Amino acid sequence: MASRASLPLLPTLVRRVREWPEESQLQARRNAMVASTALARRRAERIEVEEFLAARAMTAAPAAPATPAGRVAHG
């Protein structure tokens, strides 16, 4: 009787085994798209920060040379 009870499960098992490669491929593609989007976002942010820092470096006034604390001119 145990074999009769497992017969209804056999078609389900066969279907799942046949569908597995396609489902696995689709999931891998979704994962790749999510990763690609995240990397593109990080790259754009890094470029934006580099451009911001470069612009600040160009507009910053040159700093006056600092006088060492121990060497103050008396005069």
PDB file of N, CA and C in Angstrom:
ATOM      1  N   MET A   1       0.797  -1.193   0.000  1.00  0.00           N
ATOM      2  CA  MET A   1       0.000   0.000   0.000  1.00  0.00           C
ATOM      3  C   MET A   1       0.847   1.268   0.000  1.00  0.00           C
ATOM      4  N   ALA A   2       2.019   1.217   0.529  1.00  0.00           N
ATOM      5  CA  ALA A   2       2.869   2.398   0.585  1.00  0.00           C
ATOM      6  C   ALA A   2       3.203   2.896  -0.821  1.00  0.00           C
ATOM      7  N   SER A   3       3.359   1.965  -1.753  1.00  0.00           N
ATOM      8  CA  SER A   3       3.689   2.394  -3.111  1.00  0.00           C
ATOM      9  C   SER A   3       2.506   3.082  -3.782  1.00  0.00           C
ATOM     10  N   ARG A   4       1.286   2.665  -3.448  1.00  0.00           N
ATOM     11  CA  ARG A   4       0.114   3.325  -4.021  1.00  0.00           C
ATOM     12  C   ARG A   4      -0.029   4.759  -3.500  1.00  0.00           C
ATOM     13  N   ALA A   5       0.346   4.990  -2.260  1.00  0.00           N
ATOM     14  CA  ALA A   5       0.241   6.329  -1.679  1.00  0.00           C
ATOM     15  C   ALA A   5       1.265   7.277  -2.296  1.00  0.00           C
ATOM     16  N   SER A   6       2.399   6.754  -2.713  1.00  0.00           N
ATOM     17  CA  SER A   6       3.437   7.624  -3.271  1.00  0.00           C
ATOM     18  C   SER A   6       3.234   7.897  -4.757  1.00  0.00           C
ATOM     19  N   LEU A   7       2.372   7.158  -5.426  1.00  0.00           N
ATOM     20  CA  LEU A   7       2.144   7.373  -6.858  1.00  0.00           C
ATOM     21  C   LEU A   7       1.653   8.779  -7.193  1.00  0.00           C
ATOM     22  N   PRO A   8       0.731   9.367  -6.433  1.00  0.00           N
ATOM     23  CA  PRO A   8       0.328  10.735  -6.778  1.00  0.00           C
ATOM     24  C   PRO A   8       1.474  11.745  -6.657  1.00  0.00           C
ATOM     25  N   LEU A   9       2.467  11.461  -5.856  1.00  0.00           N
ATOM     26  CA  LEU A   9       3.591  12.377  -5.693  1.00  0.00           C
ATOM     27  C   LEU A   9       4.570  12.303  -6.858  1.00  0.00           C
ATOM     28  N   LEU A  10       4.584  11.180  -7.558  1.00  0.00           N
ATOM     29  CA  LEU A  10       5.547  10.988  -8.640  1.00  0.00           C
ATOM     30  C   LEU A  10       5.406  12.025  -9.758  1.00  0.00           C
ATOM     31  N   PRO A  11       4.211  12.291 -10.282  1.00  0.00           N
ATOM     32  CA  PRO A  11       4.111  13.326 -11.331  1.00  0.00           C
ATOM     33  C   PRO A  11       4.562  14.696 -10.848  1.00  0.00           C
ATOM     34  N   THR A  12       4.255  15.003  -9.604  1.00  0.00           N
ATOM     35  CA  THR A  12       4.689  16.288  -9.047  1.00  0.00           C
ATOM     36  C   THR A  12       6.206  16.363  -8.977  1.00  0.00           C
ATOM     37  N   LEU A  13       6.814  15.281  -8.542  1.00  0.00           N
ATOM     38  CA  LEU A  13       8.268  15.232  -8.450  1.00  0.00           C
ATOM     39  C   LEU A  13       8.913  15.357  -9.828  1.00  0.00           C
ATOM     40  N   VAL A  14       8.382  14.632 -10.797  1.00  0.00           N
ATOM     41  CA  VAL A  14       8.921  14.685 -12.168  1.00  0.00           C
ATOM     42  C   VAL A  14       8.781  16.100 -12.730  1.00  0.00           C
ATOM     43  N   ARG A  15       7.641  16.730 -12.506  1.00  0.00           N
ATOM     44  CA  ARG A  15       7.425  18.097 -12.999  1.00  0.00           C
ATOM     45  C   ARG A  15       8.423  19.057 -12.378  1.00  0.00           C
ATOM     46  N   ARG A  16       8.617  18.923 -11.071  1.00  0.00           N
ATOM     47  CA  ARG A  16       9.558  19.823 -10.388  1.00  0.00           C
ATOM     48  C   ARG A  16      10.990  19.643 -10.897  1.00  0.00           C
ATOM     49  N   VAL A  17      11.368  18.393 -11.138  1.00  0.00           N
ATOM     50  CA  VAL A  17      12.720  18.123 -11.645  1.00  0.00           C
ATOM     51  C   VAL A  17      12.875  18.691 -13.052  1.00  0.00           C
ATOM     52  N   ARG A  18      11.856  18.607 -13.864  1.00  0.00           N
ATOM     53  CA  ARG A  18      11.927  19.141 -15.230  1.00  0.00           C
ATOM     54  C   ARG A  18      11.949  20.666 -15.238  1.00  0.00           C
ATOM     55  N   GLU A  19      11.267  21.293 -14.302  1.00  0.00           N
ATOM     56  CA  GLU A  19      11.201  22.758 -14.262  1.00  0.00           C
ATOM     57  C   GLU A  19      12.410  23.388 -13.580  1.00  0.00           C
ATOM     58  N   TRP A  20      13.147  22.615 -12.828  1.00  0.00           N
ATOM     59  CA  TRP A  20      14.237  23.165 -12.029  1.00  0.00           C
ATOM     60  C   TRP A  20      15.277  23.937 -12.852  1.00  0.00           C
ATOM     61  N   PRO A  21      15.785  23.402 -13.977  1.00  0.00           N
ATOM     62  CA  PRO A  21      16.820  24.165 -14.703  1.00  0.00           C
ATOM     63  C   PRO A  21      16.340  25.542 -15.156  1.00  0.00           C
ATOM     64  N   GLU A  22      15.119  25.612 -15.647  1.00  0.00           N
ATOM     65  CA  GLU A  22      14.604  26.904 -16.118  1.00  0.00           C
ATOM     66  C   GLU A  22      14.408  27.877 -14.954  1.00  0.00           C
ATOM     67  N   GLU A  23      13.844  27.391 -13.866  1.00  0.00           N
ATOM     68  CA  GLU A  23      13.649  28.251 -12.688  1.00  0.00           C
ATOM     69  C   GLU A  23      14.984  28.721 -12.128  1.00  0.00           C
ATOM     70  N   SER A  24      15.954  27.819 -12.125  1.00  0.00           N
ATOM     71  CA  SER A  24      17.287  28.180 -11.628  1.00  0.00           C
ATOM     72  C   SER A  24      17.918  29.257 -12.501  1.00  0.00           C
ATOM     73  N   GLN A  25      17.793  29.112 -13.818  1.00  0.00           N
ATOM     74  CA  GLN A  25      18.343  30.107 -14.749  1.00  0.00           C
ATOM     75  C   GLN A  25      17.667  31.463 -14.571  1.00  0.00           C
ATOM     76  N   LEU A  26      16.350  31.448 -14.428  1.00  0.00           N
ATOM     77  CA  LEU A  26      15.627  32.706 -14.239  1.00  0.00           C
ATOM     78  C   LEU A  26      16.049  33.404 -12.953  1.00  0.00           C
ATOM     79  N   GLN A  27      16.224  32.638 -11.884  1.00  0.00           N
ATOM     80  CA  GLN A  27      16.657  33.226 -10.613  1.00  0.00           C
ATOM     81  C   GLN A  27      18.072  33.796 -10.739  1.00  0.00           C
ATOM     82  N   ALA A  28      18.938  33.084 -11.432  1.00  0.00           N
ATOM     83  CA  ALA A  28      20.303  33.579 -11.638  1.00  0.00           C
ATOM     84  C   ALA A  28      20.289  34.886 -12.429  1.00  0.00           C
ATOM     85  N   ARG A  29      19.421  34.978 -13.437  1.00  0.00           N
ATOM     86  CA  ARG A  29      19.317  36.218 -14.214  1.00  0.00           C
ATOM     87  C   ARG A  29      18.816  37.364 -13.356  1.00  0.00           C
ATOM     88  N   ARG A  30      17.824  37.082 -12.495  1.00  0.00           N
ATOM     89  CA  ARG A  30      17.321  38.133 -11.595  1.00  0.00           C
ATOM     90  C   ARG A  30      18.425  38.609 -10.653  1.00  0.00           C
ATOM     91  N   ASN A  31      19.157  37.676 -10.109  1.00  0.00           N
ATOM     92  CA  ASN A  31      20.257  38.041  -9.207  1.00  0.00           C
ATOM     93  C   ASN A  31      21.295  38.898  -9.924  1.00  0.00           C
ATOM     94  N   ALA A  32      21.607  38.539 -11.167  1.00  0.00           N
ATOM     95  CA  ALA A  32      22.587  39.303 -11.936  1.00  0.00           C
ATOM     96  C   ALA A  32      22.087  40.716 -12.217  1.00  0.00           C
ATOM     97  N   MET A  33      20.812  40.870 -12.520  1.00  0.00           N
ATOM     98  CA  MET A  33      20.254  42.202 -12.778  1.00  0.00           C
ATOM     99  C   MET A  33      20.290  43.064 -11.516  1.00  0.00           C
ATOM    100  N   VAL A  34      19.962  42.476 -10.380  1.00  0.00           N
ATOM    101  CA  VAL A  34      20.002  43.224  -9.119  1.00  0.00           C
ATOM    102  C   VAL A  34      21.431  43.664  -8.822  1.00  0.00           C
ATOM    103  N   ALA A  35      22.386  42.758  -9.003  1.00  0.00           N
ATOM    104  CA  ALA A  35      23.787  43.088  -8.745  1.00  0.00           C
ATOM    105  C   ALA A  35      24.280  44.159  -9.715  1.00  0.00           C
ATOM    106  N   SER A  36      23.902  44.049 -10.967  1.00  0.00           N
ATOM    107  CA  SER A  36      24.321  45.028 -11.971  1.00  0.00           C
ATOM    108  C   SER A  36      23.775  46.416 -11.638  1.00  0.00           C
ATOM    109  N   THR A  37      22.527  46.467 -11.214  1.00  0.00           N
ATOM    110  CA  THR A  37      21.919  47.750 -10.842  1.00  0.00           C
ATOM    111  C   THR A  37      22.633  48.356  -9.647  1.00  0.00           C
ATOM    112  N   ALA A  38      22.938  47.541  -8.655  1.00  0.00           N
ATOM    113  CA  ALA A  38      23.634  48.042  -7.463  1.00  0.00           C
ATOM    114  C   ALA A  38      25.030  48.560  -7.823  1.00  0.00           C
ATOM    115  N   LEU A  39      25.735  47.831  -8.675  1.00  0.00           N
ATOM    116  CA  LEU A  39      27.073  48.274  -9.078  1.00  0.00           C
ATOM    117  C   LEU A  39      27.017  49.568  -9.884  1.00  0.00           C
ATOM    118  N   ALA A  40      26.047  49.699 -10.758  1.00  0.00           N
ATOM    119  CA  ALA A  40      25.906  50.929 -11.544  1.00  0.00           C
ATOM    120  C   ALA A  40      25.612  52.115 -10.636  1.00  0.00           C
ATOM    121  N   ARG A  41      24.768  51.898  -9.639  1.00  0.00           N
ATOM    122  CA  ARG A  41      24.441  52.968  -8.692  1.00  0.00           C
ATOM    123  C   ARG A  41      25.689  53.387  -7.900  1.00  0.00           C
ATOM    124  N   ARG A  42      26.463  52.406  -7.443  1.00  0.00           N
ATOM    125  CA  ARG A  42      27.690  52.725  -6.698  1.00  0.00           C
ATOM    126  C   ARG A  42      28.703  53.447  -7.571  1.00  0.00           C
ATOM    127  N   ARG A  43      28.820  53.017  -8.838  1.00  0.00           N
ATOM    128  CA  ARG A  43      29.757  53.665  -9.756  1.00  0.00           C
ATOM    129  C   ARG A  43      29.356  55.117  -9.989  1.00  0.00           C
ATOM    130  N   ALA A  44      28.064  55.364 -10.193  1.00  0.00           N
ATOM    131  CA  ALA A  44      27.589  56.729 -10.417  1.00  0.00           C
ATOM    132  C   ALA A  44      27.838  57.591  -9.191  1.00  0.00           C
ATOM    133  N   GLU A  45      27.614  57.035  -8.011  1.00  0.00           N
ATOM    134  CA  GLU A  45      27.854  57.798  -6.786  1.00  0.00           C
ATOM    135  C   GLU A  45      29.337  58.118  -6.622  1.00  0.00           C
ATOM    136  N   ARG A  46      30.204  57.141  -6.924  1.00  0.00           N
ATOM    137  CA  ARG A  46      31.647  57.369  -6.802  1.00  0.00           C
ATOM    138  C   ARG A  46      32.104  58.470  -7.760  1.00  0.00           C
ATOM    139  N   ILE A  47      31.593  58.448  -8.983  1.00  0.00           N
ATOM    140  CA  ILE A  47      31.953  59.481  -9.958  1.00  0.00           C
ATOM    141  C   ILE A  47      31.470  60.846  -9.482  1.00  0.00           C
ATOM    142  N   GLU A  48      30.258  60.893  -8.947  1.00  0.00           N
ATOM    143  CA  GLU A  48      29.713  62.151  -8.447  1.00  0.00           C
ATOM    144  C   GLU A  48      30.571  62.713  -7.312  1.00  0.00           C
ATOM    145  N   VAL A  49      31.010  61.852  -6.403  1.00  0.00           N
ATOM    146  CA  VAL A  49      31.852  62.300  -5.290  1.00  0.00           C
ATOM    147  C   VAL A  49      33.202  62.784  -5.813  1.00  0.00           C
ATOM    148  N   GLU A  50      33.790  62.057  -6.763  1.00  0.00           N
ATOM    149  CA  GLU A  50      35.074  62.477  -7.335  1.00  0.00           C
ATOM    150  C   GLU A  50      34.956  63.850  -8.004  1.00  0.00           C
ATOM    151  N   GLU A  51      33.872  64.064  -8.737  1.00  0.00           N
ATOM    152  CA  GLU A  51      33.675  65.356  -9.395  1.00  0.00           C
ATOM    153  C   GLU A  51      33.472  66.466  -8.370  1.00  0.00           C
ATOM    154  N   PHE A  52      32.732  66.191  -7.305  1.00  0.00           N
ATOM    155  CA  PHE A  52      32.506  67.181  -6.257  1.00  0.00           C
ATOM    156  C   PHE A  52      33.824  67.558  -5.584  1.00  0.00           C
ATOM    157  N   LEU A  53      34.629  66.547  -5.236  1.00  0.00           N
ATOM    158  CA  LEU A  53      35.903  66.833  -4.576  1.00  0.00           C
ATOM    159  C   LEU A  53      36.860  67.575  -5.504  1.00  0.00           C
ATOM    160  N   ALA A  54      36.855  67.234  -6.785  1.00  0.00           N
ATOM    161  CA  ALA A  54      37.716  67.930  -7.745  1.00  0.00           C
ATOM    162  C   ALA A  54      37.285  69.387  -7.873  1.00  0.00           C
ATOM    163  N   ALA A  55      35.992  69.639  -7.897  1.00  0.00           N
ATOM    164  CA  ALA A  55      35.498  71.016  -7.993  1.00  0.00           C
ATOM    165  C   ALA A  55      35.859  71.810  -6.743  1.00  0.00           C
ATOM    166  N   ARG A  56      35.755  71.200  -5.589  1.00  0.00           N
ATOM    167  CA  ARG A  56      36.128  71.890  -4.340  1.00  0.00           C
ATOM    168  C   ARG A  56      37.617  72.177  -4.297  1.00  0.00           C
ATOM    169  N   ALA A  57      38.421  71.275  -4.790  1.00  0.00           N
ATOM    170  CA  ALA A  57      39.874  71.471  -4.783  1.00  0.00           C
ATOM    171  C   ALA A  57      40.263  72.624  -5.698  1.00  0.00           C
ATOM    172  N   MET A  58      39.523  72.794  -6.792  1.00  0.00           N
ATOM    173  CA  MET A  58      39.847  73.866  -7.737  1.00  0.00           C
ATOM    174  C   MET A  58      39.418  75.230  -7.190  1.00  0.00           C
ATOM    175  N   THR A  59      38.340  75.283  -6.416  1.00  0.00           N
ATOM    176  CA  THR A  59      37.831  76.562  -5.934  1.00  0.00           C
ATOM    177  C   THR A  59      38.401  76.955  -4.578  1.00  0.00           C
ATOM    178  N   ALA A  60      39.045  76.028  -3.900  1.00  0.00           N
ATOM    179  CA  ALA A  60      39.585  76.331  -2.575  1.00  0.00           C
ATOM    180  C   ALA A  60      40.763  77.298  -2.719  1.00  0.00           C
ATOM    181  N   ALA A  61      40.757  78.310  -1.878  1.00  0.00           N
ATOM    182  CA  ALA A  61      41.859  79.269  -1.889  1.00  0.00           C
ATOM    183  C   ALA A  61      43.092  78.595  -1.289  1.00  0.00           C
ATOM    184  N   PRO A  62      44.260  78.925  -1.822  1.00  0.00           N
ATOM    185  CA  PRO A  62      45.465  78.320  -1.248  1.00  0.00           C
ATOM    186  C   PRO A  62      45.626  78.788   0.199  1.00  0.00           C
ATOM    187  N   ALA A  63      45.910  77.859   1.045  1.00  0.00           N
ATOM    188  CA  ALA A  63      46.052  78.164   2.468  1.00  0.00           C
ATOM    189  C   ALA A  63      47.372  78.884   2.707  1.00  0.00           C
ATOM    190  N   ALA A  64      47.350  79.871   3.617  1.00  0.00           N
ATOM    191  CA  ALA A  64      48.578  80.579   3.994  1.00  0.00           C
ATOM    192  C   ALA A  64      49.452  79.618   4.786  1.00  0.00           C
ATOM    193  N   PRO A  65      50.742  79.722   4.605  1.00  0.00           N
ATOM    194  CA  PRO A  65      51.623  78.819   5.353  1.00  0.00           C
ATOM    195  C   PRO A  65      51.425  79.031   6.850  1.00  0.00           C
ATOM    196  N   ALA A  66      51.270  77.978   7.551  1.00  0.00           N
ATOM    197  CA  ALA A  66      51.054  78.044   8.995  1.00  0.00           C
ATOM    198  C   ALA A  66      52.377  78.299   9.701  1.00  0.00           C
ATOM    199  N   THR A  67      52.338  79.135  10.708  1.00  0.00           N
ATOM    200  CA  THR A  67      53.528  79.408  11.493  1.00  0.00           C
ATOM    201  C   THR A  67      53.618  78.363  12.590  1.00  0.00           C
ATOM    202  N   PRO A  68      54.733  77.700  12.706  1.00  0.00           N
ATOM    203  CA  PRO A  68      54.868  76.708  13.778  1.00  0.00           C
ATOM    204  C   PRO A  68      54.662  77.377  15.145  1.00  0.00           C
ATOM    205  N   ALA A  69      54.024  76.699  16.052  1.00  0.00           N
ATOM    206  CA  ALA A  69      53.686  77.261  17.367  1.00  0.00           C
ATOM    207  C   ALA A  69      54.898  77.667  18.175  1.00  0.00           C
ATOM    208  N   GLY A  70      55.978  76.966  18.040  1.00  0.00           N
ATOM    209  CA  GLY A  70      57.171  77.257  18.825  1.00  0.00           C
ATOM    210  C   GLY A  70      58.025  78.361  18.224  1.00  0.00           C
ATOM    211  N   ARG A  71      57.768  78.795  17.009  1.00  0.00           N
ATOM    212  CA  ARG A  71      58.628  79.784  16.343  1.00  0.00           C
ATOM    213  C   ARG A  71      57.833  81.028  15.965  1.00  0.00           C
ATOM    214  N   VAL A  72      57.477  81.764  16.908  1.00  0.00           N
ATOM    215  CA  VAL A  72      56.777  83.000  16.658  1.00  0.00           C
ATOM    216  C   VAL A  72      57.804  84.128  16.622  1.00  0.00           C
ATOM    217  N   ALA A  73      57.747  84.931  15.559  1.00  0.00           N
ATOM    218  CA  ALA A  73      58.729  86.020  15.413  1.00  0.00           C
ATOM    219  C   ALA A  73      58.418  87.127  16.403  1.00  0.00           C
ATOM    220  N   HIS A  74      59.420  87.573  17.120  1.00  0.00           N
ATOM    221  CA  HIS A  74      59.270  88.703  18.048  1.00  0.00           C
ATOM    222  C   HIS A  74      59.997  89.888  17.438  1.00  0.00           C
ATOM    223  N   GLY A  75      59.349  90.963  17.531  1.00  0.00           N
ATOM    224  CA  GLY A  75      60.024  91.963  16.942  1.00  0.00           C
ATOM    225  C   GLY A  75      60.202  93.293  17.093  1.00  0.00           C
TER     226      GLY A  75
END
